[in-house]
């Protein structure tokens, strides 16, 4: 096997968050260019249409002009972002202008890494070529199953497994400088399944990993809190402070800006990029008030945040011991 067995969060170095907060420039920016998804995975909020109706959730494609406005705004920060991540709540390869968006993003040189998250089902030689030539630096592929029957069971979609693997192989062989990461979530995977996963994809990607299944999506928690997080890290049972609020900016397809990428219902909004600049949102009162509420150990009083388990299972950073110091800095 050629690929390195490694969780994606360990692909780049990080400073200790407590030593750098408040950040003048966010570590990364997430842009949801398409909130539609062609899969309805049974562990994801996309499959819960009843919850979507209750929240009057709207889905859509990001307008090219809005995307370019976001990217232009990012040039005003004092430093480059470590990453700009394309893909948030939906499947970005469904957007017909995706290569054009990546090309524009690359031309502005606002990030060290341009990263794409996809389920890989729509990859093909033509799209692969367009994405890598546009300047994509890293492509993260989520494999949902190892057989067509199991794909149908998990995602509700029938796929051609041979063609799926063939398209990933084509991507890898023609990736240029783009790193390819392939992962699967351990939902009832046998040892035979795990070996099959590594044997199937281990020679057609740069990094590969089996992630733990975790209660990632608030209000769609079908899996209990275990002793390990998504990437195999040991976890504490509760964090007073969500680290994501201090590291990232998250732009939804319609320009609204969330305090957290996991806020699929758009309940904790901190701005609107169509009406404000990214710099104004990052330094604005809404985000600061949200950060202060967490540092004052009032996370359980914040809508959406109260029930969210992501701070424990999705990241290693822990700011709980530094609340007083960071409050002083923020205030």
C-alpha atoms as a PDB file:
ATOM      1  CA  UNK A   1       0.000   0.000   0.000  1.00  0.00           C
ATOM      2  CA  UNK A   2       1.400   3.364  -1.072  1.00  0.00           C
ATOM      3  CA  UNK A   3      -0.897   5.635   0.943  1.00  0.00           C
ATOM      4  CA  UNK A   4      -0.038   6.931   4.388  1.00  0.00           C
ATOM      5  CA  UNK A   5      -2.535   5.832   7.042  1.00  0.00           C
ATOM      6  CA  UNK A   6      -3.336   9.153   8.682  1.00  0.00           C
ATOM      7  CA  UNK A   7      -6.395  11.168   9.714  1.00  0.00           C
ATOM      8  CA  UNK A   8      -6.732  14.356   7.720  1.00  0.00           C
ATOM      9  CA  UNK A   9      -6.433  16.650  10.766  1.00  0.00           C
ATOM     10  CA  UNK A  10      -2.828  15.523  11.144  1.00  0.00           C
ATOM     11  CA  UNK A  11      -1.862  16.460   7.581  1.00  0.00           C
ATOM     12  CA  UNK A  12      -0.753  19.938   8.699  1.00  0.00           C
ATOM     13  CA  UNK A  13       0.795  21.395  11.826  1.00  0.00           C
ATOM     14  CA  UNK A  14      -1.162  23.548  14.252  1.00  0.00           C
ATOM     15  CA  UNK A  15      -0.171  25.983  16.959  1.00  0.00           C
ATOM     16  CA  UNK A  16      -1.664  25.586  20.408  1.00  0.00           C
ATOM     17  CA  UNK A  17      -4.922  27.481  20.025  1.00  0.00           C
ATOM     18  CA  UNK A  18      -4.891  28.931  23.536  1.00  0.00           C
ATOM     19  CA  UNK A  19      -1.615  30.745  22.763  1.00  0.00           C
ATOM     20  CA  UNK A  20      -2.855  32.525  19.627  1.00  0.00           C
ATOM     21  CA  UNK A  21      -6.474  33.449  20.373  1.00  0.00           C
ATOM     22  CA  UNK A  22      -7.798  35.915  19.355  1.00  0.00           C
ATOM     23  CA  UNK A  23      -6.656  35.245  15.791  1.00  0.00           C
ATOM     24  CA  UNK A  24      -6.336  38.209  13.467  1.00  0.00           C
ATOM     25  CA  UNK A  25      -6.851  35.845  10.549  1.00  0.00           C
ATOM     26  CA  UNK A  26      -8.990  32.685  10.782  1.00  0.00           C
ATOM     27  CA  UNK A  27      -7.121  29.432  10.368  1.00  0.00           C
ATOM     28  CA  UNK A  28      -9.502  28.386   7.639  1.00  0.00           C
ATOM     29  CA  UNK A  29     -12.604  29.452   5.760  1.00  0.00           C
ATOM     30  CA  UNK A  30     -15.350  27.022   4.745  1.00  0.00           C
ATOM     31  CA  UNK A  31     -17.487  27.879   1.728  1.00  0.00           C
ATOM     32  CA  UNK A  32     -20.681  25.939   1.043  1.00  0.00           C
ATOM     33  CA  UNK A  33     -21.000  26.372  -2.729  1.00  0.00           C
ATOM     34  CA  UNK A  34     -23.795  23.777  -2.893  1.00  0.00           C
ATOM     35  CA  UNK A  35     -26.061  22.748  -0.037  1.00  0.00           C
ATOM     36  CA  UNK A  36     -27.807  20.080  -2.105  1.00  0.00           C
ATOM     37  CA  UNK A  37     -26.548  16.521  -1.818  1.00  0.00           C
ATOM     38  CA  UNK A  38     -27.137  13.584  -4.134  1.00  0.00           C
ATOM     39  CA  UNK A  39     -26.822  11.225  -1.161  1.00  0.00           C
ATOM     40  CA  UNK A  40     -29.127  10.882   1.836  1.00  0.00           C
ATOM     41  CA  UNK A  41     -26.743   9.129   4.225  1.00  0.00           C
ATOM     42  CA  UNK A  42     -28.619   7.693   7.179  1.00  0.00           C
ATOM     43  CA  UNK A  43     -26.188   9.255   9.677  1.00  0.00           C
ATOM     44  CA  UNK A  44     -26.418  12.770   8.175  1.00  0.00           C
ATOM     45  CA  UNK A  45     -28.881  15.626   8.573  1.00  0.00           C
ATOM     46  CA  UNK A  46     -29.454  15.525   4.794  1.00  0.00           C
ATOM     47  CA  UNK A  47     -31.566  12.404   5.265  1.00  0.00           C
ATOM     48  CA  UNK A  48     -33.805  13.950   7.931  1.00  0.00           C
ATOM     49  CA  UNK A  49     -36.433  15.733   5.844  1.00  0.00           C
ATOM     50  CA  UNK A  50     -38.751  16.130   8.821  1.00  0.00           C
ATOM     51  CA  UNK A  51     -36.103  18.102  10.732  1.00  0.00           C
ATOM     52  CA  UNK A  52     -35.402  20.168   7.605  1.00  0.00           C
ATOM     53  CA  UNK A  53     -39.098  21.047   7.292  1.00  0.00           C
ATOM     54  CA  UNK A  54     -39.311  22.044  10.942  1.00  0.00           C
ATOM     55  CA  UNK A  55     -36.393  24.429  10.464  1.00  0.00           C
ATOM     56  CA  UNK A  56     -37.672  25.645   7.068  1.00  0.00           C
ATOM     57  CA  UNK A  57     -34.274  24.701   5.701  1.00  0.00           C
ATOM     58  CA  UNK A  58     -33.536  26.091   2.256  1.00  0.00           C
ATOM     59  CA  UNK A  59     -30.940  24.577  -0.042  1.00  0.00           C
ATOM     60  CA  UNK A  60     -29.281  26.071  -3.090  1.00  0.00           C
ATOM     61  CA  UNK A  61     -26.249  26.814  -5.236  1.00  0.00           C
ATOM     62  CA  UNK A  62     -23.944  29.707  -4.400  1.00  0.00           C
ATOM     63  CA  UNK A  63     -23.953  32.497  -6.954  1.00  0.00           C
ATOM     64  CA  UNK A  64     -20.589  32.964  -8.675  1.00  0.00           C
ATOM     65  CA  UNK A  65     -20.577  36.679  -7.871  1.00  0.00           C
ATOM     66  CA  UNK A  66     -21.124  35.954  -4.181  1.00  0.00           C
ATOM     67  CA  UNK A  67     -18.299  33.412  -4.196  1.00  0.00           C
ATOM     68  CA  UNK A  68     -15.955  35.925  -5.814  1.00  0.00           C
ATOM     69  CA  UNK A  69     -17.006  38.551  -3.261  1.00  0.00           C
ATOM     70  CA  UNK A  70     -16.064  36.197  -0.416  1.00  0.00           C
ATOM     71  CA  UNK A  71     -12.683  35.473  -1.982  1.00  0.00           C
ATOM     72  CA  UNK A  72     -12.007  39.170  -2.631  1.00  0.00           C
ATOM     73  CA  UNK A  73     -12.850  39.911   1.003  1.00  0.00           C
ATOM     74  CA  UNK A  74     -10.308  37.338   2.173  1.00  0.00           C
ATOM     75  CA  UNK A  75      -7.519  39.382   0.567  1.00  0.00           C
ATOM     76  CA  UNK A  76      -8.066  42.059   3.230  1.00  0.00           C
ATOM     77  CA  UNK A  77      -6.889  39.919   6.140  1.00  0.00           C
ATOM     78  CA  UNK A  78      -3.354  40.543   7.366  1.00  0.00           C
ATOM     79  CA  UNK A  79      -2.194  37.016   6.598  1.00  0.00           C
ATOM     80  CA  UNK A  80      -3.164  34.134   4.337  1.00  0.00           C
ATOM     81  CA  UNK A  81      -5.539  31.482   5.631  1.00  0.00           C
ATOM     82  CA  UNK A  82      -4.037  28.090   6.216  1.00  0.00           C
ATOM     83  CA  UNK A  83      -6.911  26.605   4.222  1.00  0.00           C
ATOM     84  CA  UNK A  84     -10.002  27.449   2.256  1.00  0.00           C
ATOM     85  CA  UNK A  85     -12.346  24.467   2.308  1.00  0.00           C
ATOM     86  CA  UNK A  86     -14.966  24.000  -0.393  1.00  0.00           C
ATOM     87  CA  UNK A  87     -17.880  21.893   0.751  1.00  0.00           C
ATOM     88  CA  UNK A  88     -19.858  22.334   3.925  1.00  0.00           C
ATOM     89  CA  UNK A  89     -23.358  20.883   4.042  1.00  0.00           C
ATOM     90  CA  UNK A  90     -23.783  19.538   0.512  1.00  0.00           C
ATOM     91  CA  UNK A  91     -21.976  17.924  -2.405  1.00  0.00           C
ATOM     92  CA  UNK A  92     -19.854  20.635  -4.105  1.00  0.00           C
ATOM     93  CA  UNK A  93     -19.283  18.675  -7.324  1.00  0.00           C
ATOM     94  CA  UNK A  94     -22.974  19.256  -8.095  1.00  0.00           C
ATOM     95  CA  UNK A  95     -22.142  22.927  -8.754  1.00  0.00           C
ATOM     96  CA  UNK A  96     -21.553  23.401 -12.508  1.00  0.00           C
ATOM     97  CA  UNK A  97     -19.108  26.275 -11.917  1.00  0.00           C
ATOM     98  CA  UNK A  98     -16.939  24.518  -9.338  1.00  0.00           C
ATOM     99  CA  UNK A  99     -13.707  24.454 -11.429  1.00  0.00           C
ATOM    100  CA  UNK A 100     -14.176  28.137 -12.285  1.00  0.00           C
ATOM    101  CA  UNK A 101     -14.607  28.961  -8.599  1.00  0.00           C
ATOM    102  CA  UNK A 102     -11.445  27.088  -7.642  1.00  0.00           C
ATOM    103  CA  UNK A 103      -9.519  28.787 -10.429  1.00  0.00           C
ATOM    104  CA  UNK A 104     -10.617  32.218  -9.165  1.00  0.00           C
ATOM    105  CA  UNK A 105      -9.746  31.290  -5.586  1.00  0.00           C
ATOM    106  CA  UNK A 106      -6.310  30.113  -6.648  1.00  0.00           C
ATOM    107  CA  UNK A 107      -5.642  33.330  -8.577  1.00  0.00           C
ATOM    108  CA  UNK A 108      -6.201  35.444  -5.449  1.00  0.00           C
ATOM    109  CA  UNK A 109      -3.598  33.543  -3.377  1.00  0.00           C
ATOM    110  CA  UNK A 110      -5.520  33.887  -0.107  1.00  0.00           C
ATOM    111  CA  UNK A 111      -4.749  30.433   1.328  1.00  0.00           C
ATOM    112  CA  UNK A 112      -1.886  27.988   1.605  1.00  0.00           C
ATOM    113  CA  UNK A 113      -4.213  25.126   0.718  1.00  0.00           C
ATOM    114  CA  UNK A 114      -7.427  24.890  -1.307  1.00  0.00           C
ATOM    115  CA  UNK A 115      -9.296  21.846  -0.132  1.00  0.00           C
ATOM    116  CA  UNK A 116     -12.404  20.096  -1.482  1.00  0.00           C
ATOM    117  CA  UNK A 117     -14.727  17.681   0.339  1.00  0.00           C
ATOM    118  CA  UNK A 118     -16.741  15.265  -1.789  1.00  0.00           C
ATOM    119  CA  UNK A 119     -18.467  11.902  -1.701  1.00  0.00           C
ATOM    120  CA  UNK A 120     -16.666  11.189  -4.977  1.00  0.00           C
ATOM    121  CA  UNK A 121     -19.717   9.824  -6.775  1.00  0.00           C
ATOM    122  CA  UNK A 122     -19.655  12.472  -9.521  1.00  0.00           C
ATOM    123  CA  UNK A 123     -15.923  12.361 -10.219  1.00  0.00           C
ATOM    124  CA  UNK A 124     -14.965  11.474 -13.779  1.00  0.00           C
ATOM    125  CA  UNK A 125     -11.847  12.012 -15.934  1.00  0.00           C
ATOM    126  CA  UNK A 126     -13.110  15.334 -17.317  1.00  0.00           C
ATOM    127  CA  UNK A 127     -14.014  16.800 -13.915  1.00  0.00           C
ATOM    128  CA  UNK A 128     -10.854  15.392 -12.352  1.00  0.00           C
ATOM    129  CA  UNK A 129      -8.768  17.198 -14.947  1.00  0.00           C
ATOM    130  CA  UNK A 130     -10.671  20.464 -14.527  1.00  0.00           C
ATOM    131  CA  UNK A 131     -10.355  20.429 -10.733  1.00  0.00           C
ATOM    132  CA  UNK A 132      -6.650  19.655 -10.586  1.00  0.00           C
ATOM    133  CA  UNK A 133      -5.782  22.113 -13.355  1.00  0.00           C
ATOM    134  CA  UNK A 134      -7.837  24.814 -11.640  1.00  0.00           C
ATOM    135  CA  UNK A 135      -5.400  24.686  -8.722  1.00  0.00           C
ATOM    136  CA  UNK A 136      -6.957  22.350  -6.171  1.00  0.00           C
ATOM    137  CA  UNK A 137      -4.370  21.376  -3.541  1.00  0.00           C
ATOM    138  CA  UNK A 138      -6.213  18.662  -1.658  1.00  0.00           C
ATOM    139  CA  UNK A 139      -9.255  16.507  -2.369  1.00  0.00           C
ATOM    140  CA  UNK A 140     -10.945  14.618   0.480  1.00  0.00           C
ATOM    141  CA  UNK A 141     -13.163  11.730  -0.595  1.00  0.00           C
ATOM    142  CA  UNK A 142     -15.695  10.092   1.724  1.00  0.00           C
ATOM    143  CA  UNK A 143     -16.293   6.469   0.817  1.00  0.00           C
ATOM    144  CA  UNK A 144     -19.607   5.435   2.332  1.00  0.00           C
ATOM    145  CA  UNK A 145     -19.535   1.675   1.689  1.00  0.00           C
ATOM    146  CA  UNK A 146     -17.645  -1.116  -0.039  1.00  0.00           C
ATOM    147  CA  UNK A 147     -20.431  -2.627  -2.136  1.00  0.00           C
ATOM    148  CA  UNK A 148     -23.274  -1.323  -4.263  1.00  0.00           C
ATOM    149  CA  UNK A 149     -25.832  -2.973  -1.987  1.00  0.00           C
ATOM    150  CA  UNK A 150     -24.377  -1.369   1.120  1.00  0.00           C
ATOM    151  CA  UNK A 151     -24.200   2.024  -0.653  1.00  0.00           C
ATOM    152  CA  UNK A 152     -27.910   1.745  -1.392  1.00  0.00           C
ATOM    153  CA  UNK A 153     -28.609   0.921   2.238  1.00  0.00           C
ATOM    154  CA  UNK A 154     -26.584   3.832   3.656  1.00  0.00           C
ATOM    155  CA  UNK A 155     -27.026   6.586   1.047  1.00  0.00           C
ATOM    156  CA  UNK A 156     -30.253   5.624  -0.701  1.00  0.00           C
ATOM    157  CA  UNK A 157     -28.372   5.651  -4.011  1.00  0.00           C
ATOM    158  CA  UNK A 158     -27.258   2.798  -6.231  1.00  0.00           C
ATOM    159  CA  UNK A 159     -23.736   3.276  -7.579  1.00  0.00           C
ATOM    160  CA  UNK A 160     -21.420   1.345  -9.859  1.00  0.00           C
ATOM    161  CA  UNK A 161     -18.549   0.421  -7.527  1.00  0.00           C
ATOM    162  CA  UNK A 162     -16.162  -0.474 -10.346  1.00  0.00           C
ATOM    163  CA  UNK A 163     -16.719   2.881 -12.006  1.00  0.00           C
ATOM    164  CA  UNK A 164     -16.459   4.684  -8.653  1.00  0.00           C
ATOM    165  CA  UNK A 165     -13.048   3.158  -7.951  1.00  0.00           C
ATOM    166  CA  UNK A 166     -11.948   3.691 -11.553  1.00  0.00           C
ATOM    167  CA  UNK A 167     -12.673   7.436 -11.332  1.00  0.00           C
ATOM    168  CA  UNK A 168     -10.716   7.798  -8.092  1.00  0.00           C
ATOM    169  CA  UNK A 169      -7.835   5.908  -9.706  1.00  0.00           C
ATOM    170  CA  UNK A 170      -7.935   8.330 -12.647  1.00  0.00           C
ATOM    171  CA  UNK A 171      -7.896  11.279 -10.250  1.00  0.00           C
ATOM    172  CA  UNK A 172      -4.897   9.890  -8.391  1.00  0.00           C
ATOM    173  CA  UNK A 173      -2.923   9.124 -11.535  1.00  0.00           C
ATOM    174  CA  UNK A 174      -3.534  12.604 -12.964  1.00  0.00           C
ATOM    175  CA  UNK A 175      -3.573  14.587  -9.719  1.00  0.00           C
ATOM    176  CA  UNK A 176      -0.504  16.761 -10.442  1.00  0.00           C
ATOM    177  CA  UNK A 177       0.233  18.554  -7.122  1.00  0.00           C
ATOM    178  CA  UNK A 178      -3.151  17.730  -5.599  1.00  0.00           C
ATOM    179  CA  UNK A 179      -3.105  15.411  -2.572  1.00  0.00           C
ATOM    180  CA  UNK A 180      -5.865  12.788  -2.472  1.00  0.00           C
ATOM    181  CA  UNK A 181      -7.303  11.644   0.865  1.00  0.00           C
ATOM    182  CA  UNK A 182      -9.756   8.745   1.099  1.00  0.00           C
ATOM    183  CA  UNK A 183     -11.644   7.835   4.243  1.00  0.00           C
ATOM    184  CA  UNK A 184     -14.507   5.646   5.335  1.00  0.00           C
ATOM    185  CA  UNK A 185     -16.534   5.778   8.548  1.00  0.00           C
ATOM    186  CA  UNK A 186     -16.525   2.659  10.700  1.00  0.00           C
ATOM    187  CA  UNK A 187     -20.205   1.769  10.698  1.00  0.00           C
ATOM    188  CA  UNK A 188     -20.329  -1.973  11.376  1.00  0.00           C
ATOM    189  CA  UNK A 189     -17.123  -2.619   9.430  1.00  0.00           C
ATOM    190  CA  UNK A 190     -15.680  -6.085   9.948  1.00  0.00           C
ATOM    191  CA  UNK A 191     -11.944  -6.724   9.867  1.00  0.00           C
ATOM    192  CA  UNK A 192     -12.496  -8.167   6.401  1.00  0.00           C
ATOM    193  CA  UNK A 193     -14.218  -4.904   5.363  1.00  0.00           C
ATOM    194  CA  UNK A 194     -11.339  -2.841   6.705  1.00  0.00           C
ATOM    195  CA  UNK A 195      -8.794  -4.900   4.821  1.00  0.00           C
ATOM    196  CA  UNK A 196     -10.889  -4.610   1.695  1.00  0.00           C
ATOM    197  CA  UNK A 197     -11.006  -0.832   2.089  1.00  0.00           C
ATOM    198  CA  UNK A 198      -7.225  -0.551   2.365  1.00  0.00           C
ATOM    199  CA  UNK A 199      -6.671  -3.003  -0.489  1.00  0.00           C
ATOM    200  CA  UNK A 200      -9.123  -1.189  -2.766  1.00  0.00           C
ATOM    201  CA  UNK A 201      -8.009   2.392  -2.180  1.00  0.00           C
ATOM    202  CA  UNK A 202      -4.569   2.161  -0.563  1.00  0.00           C
ATOM    203  CA  UNK A 203      -2.698   2.451  -3.865  1.00  0.00           C
ATOM    204  CA  UNK A 204      -4.846   5.167  -5.431  1.00  0.00           C
ATOM    205  CA  UNK A 205      -4.589   7.922  -2.829  1.00  0.00           C
ATOM    206  CA  UNK A 206      -1.896   9.739  -0.848  1.00  0.00           C
ATOM    207  CA  UNK A 207      -3.518   9.383   2.590  1.00  0.00           C
ATOM    208  CA  UNK A 208      -6.128   6.950   3.845  1.00  0.00           C
ATOM    209  CA  UNK A 209      -8.002   6.489   7.122  1.00  0.00           C
ATOM    210  CA  UNK A 210     -10.921   4.767   8.825  1.00  0.00           C
ATOM    211  CA  UNK A 211     -12.766   7.333  10.940  1.00  0.00           C
ATOM    212  CA  UNK A 212     -14.860   6.471  13.958  1.00  0.00           C
ATOM    213  CA  UNK A 213     -18.585   7.034  13.713  1.00  0.00           C
ATOM    214  CA  UNK A 214     -19.489   9.866  16.102  1.00  0.00           C
ATOM    215  CA  UNK A 215     -22.532  12.018  16.984  1.00  0.00           C
ATOM    216  CA  UNK A 216     -21.334  14.855  14.760  1.00  0.00           C
ATOM    217  CA  UNK A 217     -24.577  16.502  13.713  1.00  0.00           C
ATOM    218  CA  UNK A 218     -26.485  18.157  16.544  1.00  0.00           C
ATOM    219  CA  UNK A 219     -30.120  17.042  16.770  1.00  0.00           C
ATOM    220  CA  UNK A 220     -29.389  14.112  14.437  1.00  0.00           C
ATOM    221  CA  UNK A 221     -27.403  12.178  17.018  1.00  0.00           C
ATOM    222  CA  UNK A 222     -27.913   8.498  16.246  1.00  0.00           C
ATOM    223  CA  UNK A 223     -24.682   7.409  17.890  1.00  0.00           C
ATOM    224  CA  UNK A 224     -23.776   7.788  21.538  1.00  0.00           C
ATOM    225  CA  UNK A 225     -20.700   9.515  22.895  1.00  0.00           C
ATOM    226  CA  UNK A 226     -17.846   7.019  23.095  1.00  0.00           C
ATOM    227  CA  UNK A 227     -14.334   7.214  24.552  1.00  0.00           C
ATOM    228  CA  UNK A 228     -12.725   8.143  21.231  1.00  0.00           C
ATOM    229  CA  UNK A 229     -13.384  10.901  18.769  1.00  0.00           C
ATOM    230  CA  UNK A 230     -13.713  10.864  15.010  1.00  0.00           C
ATOM    231  CA  UNK A 231      -9.966  10.544  14.462  1.00  0.00           C
ATOM    232  CA  UNK A 232      -9.217   8.083  17.263  1.00  0.00           C
ATOM    233  CA  UNK A 233      -8.318  10.814  19.751  1.00  0.00           C
ATOM    234  CA  UNK A 234      -9.208  10.403  23.432  1.00  0.00           C
ATOM    235  CA  UNK A 235     -12.060  12.688  24.420  1.00  0.00           C
ATOM    236  CA  UNK A 236     -13.498  14.328  27.503  1.00  0.00           C
ATOM    237  CA  UNK A 237     -17.205  13.987  28.094  1.00  0.00           C
ATOM    238  CA  UNK A 238     -17.924  17.708  27.864  1.00  0.00           C
ATOM    239  CA  UNK A 239     -16.177  20.893  26.765  1.00  0.00           C
ATOM    240  CA  UNK A 240     -17.401  24.212  28.069  1.00  0.00           C
ATOM    241  CA  UNK A 241     -15.925  26.023  25.056  1.00  0.00           C
ATOM    242  CA  UNK A 242     -16.274  25.129  21.395  1.00  0.00           C
ATOM    243  CA  UNK A 243     -12.859  25.653  19.736  1.00  0.00           C
ATOM    244  CA  UNK A 244     -14.395  26.005  16.261  1.00  0.00           C
ATOM    245  CA  UNK A 245     -15.696  29.490  17.094  1.00  0.00           C
ATOM    246  CA  UNK A 246     -12.134  30.753  17.468  1.00  0.00           C
ATOM    247  CA  UNK A 247     -10.590  29.151  14.374  1.00  0.00           C
ATOM    248  CA  UNK A 248     -12.937  29.224  11.398  1.00  0.00           C
ATOM    249  CA  UNK A 249     -15.379  31.223   9.292  1.00  0.00           C
ATOM    250  CA  UNK A 250     -18.256  29.359   7.628  1.00  0.00           C
ATOM    251  CA  UNK A 251     -20.138  30.822   4.672  1.00  0.00           C
ATOM    252  CA  UNK A 252     -23.430  29.224   3.702  1.00  0.00           C
ATOM    253  CA  UNK A 253     -24.545  29.068   0.059  1.00  0.00           C
ATOM    254  CA  UNK A 254     -26.797  32.119   0.509  1.00  0.00           C
ATOM    255  CA  UNK A 255     -24.117  34.305   2.088  1.00  0.00           C
ATOM    256  CA  UNK A 256     -25.246  33.930   5.674  1.00  0.00           C
ATOM    257  CA  UNK A 257     -22.324  33.234   7.974  1.00  0.00           C
ATOM    258  CA  UNK A 258     -22.452  30.662  10.749  1.00  0.00           C
ATOM    259  CA  UNK A 259     -20.428  30.456  13.912  1.00  0.00           C
ATOM    260  CA  UNK A 260     -19.890  26.781  13.220  1.00  0.00           C
ATOM    261  CA  UNK A 261     -19.771  24.528  10.182  1.00  0.00           C
ATOM    262  CA  UNK A 262     -22.045  22.012  11.923  1.00  0.00           C
ATOM    263  CA  UNK A 263     -24.904  24.498  12.264  1.00  0.00           C
ATOM    264  CA  UNK A 264     -26.832  22.947   9.374  1.00  0.00           C
ATOM    265  CA  UNK A 265     -30.067  24.636  10.476  1.00  0.00           C
ATOM    266  CA  UNK A 266     -28.466  28.112  10.405  1.00  0.00           C
ATOM    267  CA  UNK A 267     -29.545  28.879  13.951  1.00  0.00           C
ATOM    268  CA  UNK A 268     -26.428  30.672  15.187  1.00  0.00           C
ATOM    269  CA  UNK A 269     -25.676  33.209  12.482  1.00  0.00           C
ATOM    270  CA  UNK A 270     -22.991  35.843  12.975  1.00  0.00           C
ATOM    271  CA  UNK A 271     -23.344  37.839   9.766  1.00  0.00           C
ATOM    272  CA  UNK A 272     -24.152  37.987   6.064  1.00  0.00           C
ATOM    273  CA  UNK A 273     -21.301  38.260   3.568  1.00  0.00           C
ATOM    274  CA  UNK A 274     -23.600  39.850   0.996  1.00  0.00           C
ATOM    275  CA  UNK A 275     -24.055  42.820   3.344  1.00  0.00           C
ATOM    276  CA  UNK A 276     -20.762  42.908   5.278  1.00  0.00           C
ATOM    277  CA  UNK A 277     -17.127  42.142   4.637  1.00  0.00           C
ATOM    278  CA  UNK A 278     -15.472  38.974   5.898  1.00  0.00           C
ATOM    279  CA  UNK A 279     -13.196  41.126   8.032  1.00  0.00           C
ATOM    280  CA  UNK A 280     -16.170  42.895   9.620  1.00  0.00           C
ATOM    281  CA  UNK A 281     -17.819  39.568  10.427  1.00  0.00           C
ATOM    282  CA  UNK A 282     -14.637  38.055  11.893  1.00  0.00           C
ATOM    283  CA  UNK A 283     -14.087  41.109  14.098  1.00  0.00           C
ATOM    284  CA  UNK A 284     -17.770  41.788  14.682  1.00  0.00           C
ATOM    285  CA  UNK A 285     -19.887  41.845  17.827  1.00  0.00           C
ATOM    286  CA  UNK A 286     -21.976  38.795  16.956  1.00  0.00           C
ATOM    287  CA  UNK A 287     -19.018  36.417  16.817  1.00  0.00           C
ATOM    288  CA  UNK A 288     -17.331  38.033  19.810  1.00  0.00           C
ATOM    289  CA  UNK A 289     -20.503  37.755  21.906  1.00  0.00           C
ATOM    290  CA  UNK A 290     -20.799  34.099  20.958  1.00  0.00           C
ATOM    291  CA  UNK A 291     -17.176  33.455  21.889  1.00  0.00           C
ATOM    292  CA  UNK A 292     -17.613  35.262  25.214  1.00  0.00           C
ATOM    293  CA  UNK A 293     -20.741  33.243  26.039  1.00  0.00           C
ATOM    294  CA  UNK A 294     -18.725  30.048  25.632  1.00  0.00           C
ATOM    295  CA  UNK A 295     -15.776  31.372  27.631  1.00  0.00           C
ATOM    296  CA  UNK A 296     -18.193  32.347  30.400  1.00  0.00           C
ATOM    297  CA  UNK A 297     -19.267  28.691  30.395  1.00  0.00           C
ATOM    298  CA  UNK A 298     -22.736  29.442  29.072  1.00  0.00           C
ATOM    299  CA  UNK A 299     -22.607  27.133  26.069  1.00  0.00           C
ATOM    300  CA  UNK A 300     -25.669  25.306  27.329  1.00  0.00           C
ATOM    301  CA  UNK A 301     -27.693  28.528  27.018  1.00  0.00           C
ATOM    302  CA  UNK A 302     -26.874  29.065  23.337  1.00  0.00           C
ATOM    303  CA  UNK A 303     -29.381  27.740  20.803  1.00  0.00           C
ATOM    304  CA  UNK A 304     -27.955  24.780  18.908  1.00  0.00           C
ATOM    305  CA  UNK A 305     -24.654  24.809  20.822  1.00  0.00           C
ATOM    306  CA  UNK A 306     -26.288  23.345  23.929  1.00  0.00           C
ATOM    307  CA  UNK A 307     -26.937  19.944  22.361  1.00  0.00           C
ATOM    308  CA  UNK A 308     -23.854  19.789  20.129  1.00  0.00           C
ATOM    309  CA  UNK A 309     -21.252  17.092  20.773  1.00  0.00           C
ATOM    310  CA  UNK A 310     -18.883  18.137  17.989  1.00  0.00           C
ATOM    311  CA  UNK A 311     -16.461  20.041  20.289  1.00  0.00           C
ATOM    312  CA  UNK A 312     -15.663  16.749  21.966  1.00  0.00           C
ATOM    313  CA  UNK A 313     -15.649  14.326  19.053  1.00  0.00           C
ATOM    314  CA  UNK A 314     -14.458  16.380  16.072  1.00  0.00           C
ATOM    315  CA  UNK A 315     -11.398  18.240  17.349  1.00  0.00           C
ATOM    316  CA  UNK A 316      -8.544  17.926  19.820  1.00  0.00           C
ATOM    317  CA  UNK A 317      -8.302  21.585  20.829  1.00  0.00           C
ATOM    318  CA  UNK A 318      -9.501  22.349  24.361  1.00  0.00           C
ATOM    319  CA  UNK A 319      -9.807  25.894  25.677  1.00  0.00           C
ATOM    320  CA  UNK A 320     -11.643  25.133  28.920  1.00  0.00           C
ATOM    321  CA  UNK A 321      -8.646  25.731  31.190  1.00  0.00           C
ATOM    322  CA  UNK A 322      -7.926  29.106  29.606  1.00  0.00           C
ATOM    323  CA  UNK A 323     -11.338  30.777  29.855  1.00  0.00           C
ATOM    324  CA  UNK A 324     -10.322  33.572  32.232  1.00  0.00           C
ATOM    325  CA  UNK A 325      -7.169  34.459  30.277  1.00  0.00           C
ATOM    326  CA  UNK A 326      -8.980  34.489  26.945  1.00  0.00           C
ATOM    327  CA  UNK A 327     -11.926  36.461  28.312  1.00  0.00           C
ATOM    328  CA  UNK A 328      -9.489  39.145  29.390  1.00  0.00           C
ATOM    329  CA  UNK A 329      -8.002  39.267  25.899  1.00  0.00           C
ATOM    330  CA  UNK A 330     -11.390  39.423  24.177  1.00  0.00           C
ATOM    331  CA  UNK A 331     -12.936  42.003  26.475  1.00  0.00           C
END
